[in-house]
């Protein structure tokens, strides 16, 4: 079997979404996510919140997994009280996406966390979050940009070796790193902007704090698609997806 690797992307589940003549509950995903998967050589599949006991079976059908950006992670997930500046919880997404992350790590399915997805990856392996920081969001509903610098010798640095300007929209960040995670990039203020599994942990898992789906640079997503298709080191797409 050859072809484009199947990449699942988690989604919002929103009440009363409006389009055309309709106002209905909807599974939502900004179009930048599937477009980025497609531009990187993958086939995108939306994964709306489901019961966590279905996560392992869902991940078993995928070649790779993206945990998308979205609301703040509920602080109780990492044993903290709620800062007044933390947004309202999205419990269905928290439970479902934490289960997806656990299933992907257990099965060795390549995983990319984007913004909230990076934060959830850290929480899933025992880390904590800074609930508010300044300077990483331009204004409400507007993406900003700032430079991030890769950590030499990391998976991320192999994909993107130079300092780059990236689209950003977040006010939370990694505090204590979870088990088997290391920093892979930093902002100029020292904020951890990317995390990844240590080499000893095995598997391919990367989290980035910014929003590659809002940019022209496909290298991070191409790394996931390459790993999902069996590409060596996540450097290029050379083979078809895993057999199921």
Protein backbone atom coordinates (compact mmCIF):
# COMPACT_ATOMS: atom_id res chain seq x y z
CA UNK A 1 0.00 0.00 0.00
CA UNK A 2 1.34 3.44 -0.98
CA UNK A 3 -0.18 6.91 -0.88
CA UNK A 4 -0.54 9.87 1.39
CA UNK A 5 -0.26 9.16 5.13
CA UNK A 6 -3.55 9.61 7.01
CA UNK A 7 -3.15 12.42 9.57
CA UNK A 8 -5.88 12.88 12.16
CA UNK A 9 -6.44 16.42 13.46
CA UNK A 10 -8.42 17.11 16.63
CA UNK A 11 -11.22 19.68 16.42
CA UNK A 12 -13.45 22.00 18.35
CA UNK A 13 -17.03 21.00 19.16
CA UNK A 14 -19.05 24.22 19.28
CA UNK A 15 -22.71 24.85 20.09
CA UNK A 16 -24.72 27.14 17.84
CA UNK A 17 -22.17 27.70 15.10
CA UNK A 18 -23.57 29.80 12.23
CA UNK A 19 -23.02 29.47 8.47
CA UNK A 20 -25.28 30.20 5.52
CA UNK A 21 -28.87 29.72 6.78
CA UNK A 22 -27.82 27.32 9.55
CA UNK A 23 -27.21 27.62 13.28
CA UNK A 24 -26.25 24.18 14.57
CA UNK A 25 -23.76 22.41 16.78
CA UNK A 26 -20.63 21.85 14.71
CA UNK A 27 -17.25 20.15 14.77
CA UNK A 28 -14.95 23.02 13.77
CA UNK A 29 -11.38 23.23 12.56
CA UNK A 30 -9.75 26.29 10.99
CA UNK A 31 -9.06 25.44 7.35
CA UNK A 32 -5.35 26.17 7.81
CA UNK A 33 -4.87 22.81 9.55
CA UNK A 34 -6.09 20.46 6.79
CA UNK A 35 -4.51 22.70 4.16
CA UNK A 36 -1.15 22.45 5.90
CA UNK A 37 -1.45 18.66 6.16
CA UNK A 38 -2.29 18.50 2.46
CA UNK A 39 0.52 20.84 1.43
CA UNK A 40 2.95 18.68 3.41
CA UNK A 41 1.85 15.54 1.56
CA UNK A 42 -0.69 14.06 3.99
CA UNK A 43 -4.38 13.21 3.92
CA UNK A 44 -6.28 15.10 6.65
CA UNK A 45 -9.04 13.56 8.79
CA UNK A 46 -11.00 15.52 11.42
CA UNK A 47 -11.28 14.00 14.90
CA UNK A 48 -14.06 15.69 16.90
CA UNK A 49 -14.31 14.94 20.64
CA UNK A 50 -15.37 11.38 21.41
CA UNK A 51 -15.38 9.10 24.44
CA UNK A 52 -11.81 8.59 25.68
CA UNK A 53 -12.15 4.81 25.59
CA UNK A 54 -12.24 5.10 21.78
CA UNK A 55 -8.91 6.90 21.55
CA UNK A 56 -6.68 3.84 21.12
CA UNK A 57 -8.83 2.40 18.34
CA UNK A 58 -8.94 5.79 16.64
CA UNK A 59 -5.17 6.25 16.77
CA UNK A 60 -4.68 2.70 15.46
CA UNK A 61 -6.37 3.78 12.21
CA UNK A 62 -4.03 6.77 11.74
CA UNK A 63 -0.51 7.20 10.43
CA UNK A 64 0.00 10.44 12.35
CA UNK A 65 -1.82 12.72 14.80
CA UNK A 66 -2.10 16.49 15.19
CA UNK A 67 -3.53 18.01 18.36
CA UNK A 68 -4.78 21.42 17.24
CA UNK A 69 -4.76 24.75 19.00
CA UNK A 70 -7.71 26.02 20.98
CA UNK A 71 -8.85 26.91 24.50
CA UNK A 72 -6.74 26.91 27.65
CA UNK A 73 -6.16 23.54 29.30
CA UNK A 74 -8.18 23.25 32.52
CA UNK A 75 -5.66 23.76 35.38
CA UNK A 76 -6.97 20.80 37.40
CA UNK A 77 -5.42 18.58 34.68
CA UNK A 78 -2.03 19.51 36.09
CA UNK A 79 -3.02 19.99 39.71
CA UNK A 80 -3.21 23.79 39.79
CA UNK A 81 -5.77 26.33 40.87
CA UNK A 82 -7.30 28.54 38.20
CA UNK A 83 -5.68 31.91 37.48
CA UNK A 84 -8.37 34.58 36.86
CA UNK A 85 -6.88 35.15 33.39
CA UNK A 86 -7.29 31.51 32.38
CA UNK A 87 -10.12 30.95 29.93
CA UNK A 88 -13.18 28.76 30.48
CA UNK A 89 -12.56 25.01 30.33
CA UNK A 90 -13.16 22.82 27.29
CA UNK A 91 -13.53 19.57 29.21
CA UNK A 92 -14.65 17.39 26.30
CA UNK A 93 -11.58 18.40 24.34
CA UNK A 94 -9.25 18.01 27.34
CA UNK A 95 -10.41 14.46 28.05
CA UNK A 96 -10.47 13.35 24.41
CA UNK A 97 -7.18 14.92 23.40
CA UNK A 98 -5.31 13.71 26.47
CA UNK A 99 -6.56 10.21 25.63
CA UNK A 100 -5.43 10.62 22.00
CA UNK A 101 -1.98 11.77 23.12
CA UNK A 102 -1.64 8.84 25.52
CA UNK A 103 -2.69 6.40 22.81
CA UNK A 104 -0.29 7.89 20.26
CA UNK A 105 2.65 7.79 22.67
CA UNK A 106 1.84 4.22 23.67
CA UNK A 107 1.52 3.05 20.07
CA UNK A 108 4.44 5.03 18.66
CA UNK A 109 2.22 6.97 16.24
CA UNK A 110 3.94 10.23 15.22
CA UNK A 111 2.43 13.20 17.04
CA UNK A 112 2.51 16.96 16.51
CA UNK A 113 1.00 19.30 19.11
CA UNK A 114 0.22 22.86 18.01
CA UNK A 115 -0.10 25.61 20.67
CA UNK A 116 -2.71 24.09 23.03
CA UNK A 117 -1.60 20.73 21.61
CA UNK A 118 1.96 21.32 22.80
CA UNK A 119 0.67 22.35 26.22
CA UNK A 120 -1.52 19.23 26.44
CA UNK A 121 1.42 17.02 25.41
CA UNK A 122 3.39 18.46 28.33
CA UNK A 123 0.46 17.96 30.74
CA UNK A 124 -0.12 14.40 29.47
CA UNK A 125 3.36 13.36 30.63
CA UNK A 126 3.21 15.10 34.00
CA UNK A 127 4.25 18.66 33.21
CA UNK A 128 2.66 21.95 34.29
CA UNK A 129 1.82 25.24 32.59
CA UNK A 130 2.34 28.94 33.12
CA UNK A 131 -1.23 30.20 33.05
CA UNK A 132 -0.47 33.70 31.77
CA UNK A 133 2.42 35.46 30.11
CA UNK A 134 2.60 38.72 28.19
CA UNK A 135 3.88 39.49 24.73
CA UNK A 136 2.92 36.33 22.80
CA UNK A 137 -0.42 37.52 21.41
CA UNK A 138 -0.88 40.70 19.36
CA UNK A 139 -4.50 41.46 20.31
CA UNK A 140 -7.76 39.56 20.58
CA UNK A 141 -8.33 37.57 17.41
CA UNK A 142 -5.10 38.74 15.74
CA UNK A 143 -2.00 36.60 15.22
CA UNK A 144 1.32 38.23 16.01
CA UNK A 145 4.84 37.12 15.09
CA UNK A 146 8.06 36.68 16.97
CA UNK A 147 11.35 34.83 16.42
CA UNK A 148 12.06 31.36 17.79
CA UNK A 149 15.51 29.81 17.96
CA UNK A 150 16.00 26.03 17.72
CA UNK A 151 18.03 24.08 20.27
CA UNK A 152 20.97 22.48 18.42
CA UNK A 153 20.86 18.70 18.15
CA UNK A 154 17.07 18.42 18.49
CA UNK A 155 14.56 16.95 16.07
CA UNK A 156 13.12 20.41 15.55
CA UNK A 157 16.56 21.83 14.70
CA UNK A 158 16.98 19.09 12.09
CA UNK A 159 13.72 20.23 10.47
CA UNK A 160 14.26 23.99 10.89
CA UNK A 161 17.93 24.71 11.65
CA UNK A 162 17.76 28.51 11.62
CA UNK A 163 16.01 31.10 13.77
CA UNK A 164 12.63 31.88 12.22
CA UNK A 165 9.76 34.33 12.68
CA UNK A 166 6.57 32.41 13.48
CA UNK A 167 2.84 33.24 13.83
CA UNK A 168 1.83 33.32 17.50
CA UNK A 169 -1.34 33.58 19.54
CA UNK A 170 -1.01 32.27 23.08
CA UNK A 171 -0.86 33.47 26.65
CA UNK A 172 0.07 30.17 28.30
CA UNK A 173 3.30 28.18 28.10
CA UNK A 174 5.26 25.27 29.51
CA UNK A 175 6.32 25.65 33.15
CA UNK A 176 7.71 22.33 34.44
CA UNK A 177 8.57 19.93 31.64
CA UNK A 178 6.89 16.55 31.71
CA UNK A 179 8.70 13.20 31.75
CA UNK A 180 10.89 12.48 28.71
CA UNK A 181 10.38 15.92 27.16
CA UNK A 182 13.16 18.39 26.34
CA UNK A 183 13.03 21.97 25.03
CA UNK A 184 13.55 22.19 21.27
CA UNK A 185 13.20 25.96 20.68
CA UNK A 186 12.98 29.17 22.69
CA UNK A 187 11.63 32.69 22.21
CA UNK A 188 13.96 35.60 22.85
CA UNK A 189 12.45 36.02 26.34
CA UNK A 190 13.38 32.42 27.19
CA UNK A 191 9.86 30.96 26.84
CA UNK A 192 9.95 27.33 25.71
CA UNK A 193 8.50 27.44 22.19
CA UNK A 194 8.90 23.77 21.21
CA UNK A 195 9.24 20.48 23.06
CA UNK A 196 10.00 16.96 21.92
CA UNK A 197 10.63 13.48 23.24
CA UNK A 198 14.15 12.65 24.35
CA UNK A 199 15.98 10.23 22.03
CA UNK A 200 15.88 7.55 24.76
CA UNK A 201 12.08 7.76 24.93
CA UNK A 202 11.72 6.57 21.35
CA UNK A 203 9.01 7.60 18.93
CA UNK A 204 8.37 10.88 17.13
CA UNK A 205 6.56 13.53 19.15
CA UNK A 206 7.00 17.28 18.75
CA UNK A 207 5.06 20.22 20.17
CA UNK A 208 5.28 23.81 18.91
CA UNK A 209 3.84 26.80 20.70
CA UNK A 210 3.14 28.77 17.52
CA UNK A 211 0.68 28.24 14.64
CA UNK A 212 2.33 26.73 11.54
CA UNK A 213 -1.10 26.45 9.91
CA UNK A 214 -1.05 30.26 9.62
CA UNK A 215 2.29 30.34 7.80
CA UNK A 216 3.83 29.33 4.48
CA UNK A 217 6.57 27.20 6.07
CA UNK A 218 5.58 23.52 5.86
CA UNK A 219 8.73 22.00 7.34
CA UNK A 220 7.30 21.07 10.74
CA UNK A 221 4.24 19.42 9.25
CA UNK A 222 6.34 17.81 6.53
CA UNK A 223 8.41 16.24 9.31
CA UNK A 224 5.29 14.71 10.84
CA UNK A 225 4.04 13.46 7.47
CA UNK A 226 7.44 11.97 6.69
CA UNK A 227 7.55 10.18 10.06
CA UNK A 228 3.96 8.98 9.53
CA UNK A 229 4.94 7.57 6.14
CA UNK A 230 8.10 5.94 7.40
CA UNK A 231 10.50 8.63 6.20
CA UNK A 232 13.92 8.46 7.85
CA UNK A 233 14.28 11.08 10.57
CA UNK A 234 11.16 12.92 9.47
CA UNK A 235 13.27 14.69 6.87
CA UNK A 236 11.39 13.84 3.70
CA UNK A 237 8.36 11.89 2.51
CA UNK A 238 9.78 8.79 0.85
CA UNK A 239 7.35 5.95 1.45
CA UNK A 240 3.66 5.25 1.82
CA UNK A 241 1.77 5.05 5.11
CA UNK A 242 1.97 2.27 7.63
CA UNK A 243 -0.08 -0.85 6.94
CA UNK A 244 -3.18 -1.30 9.11
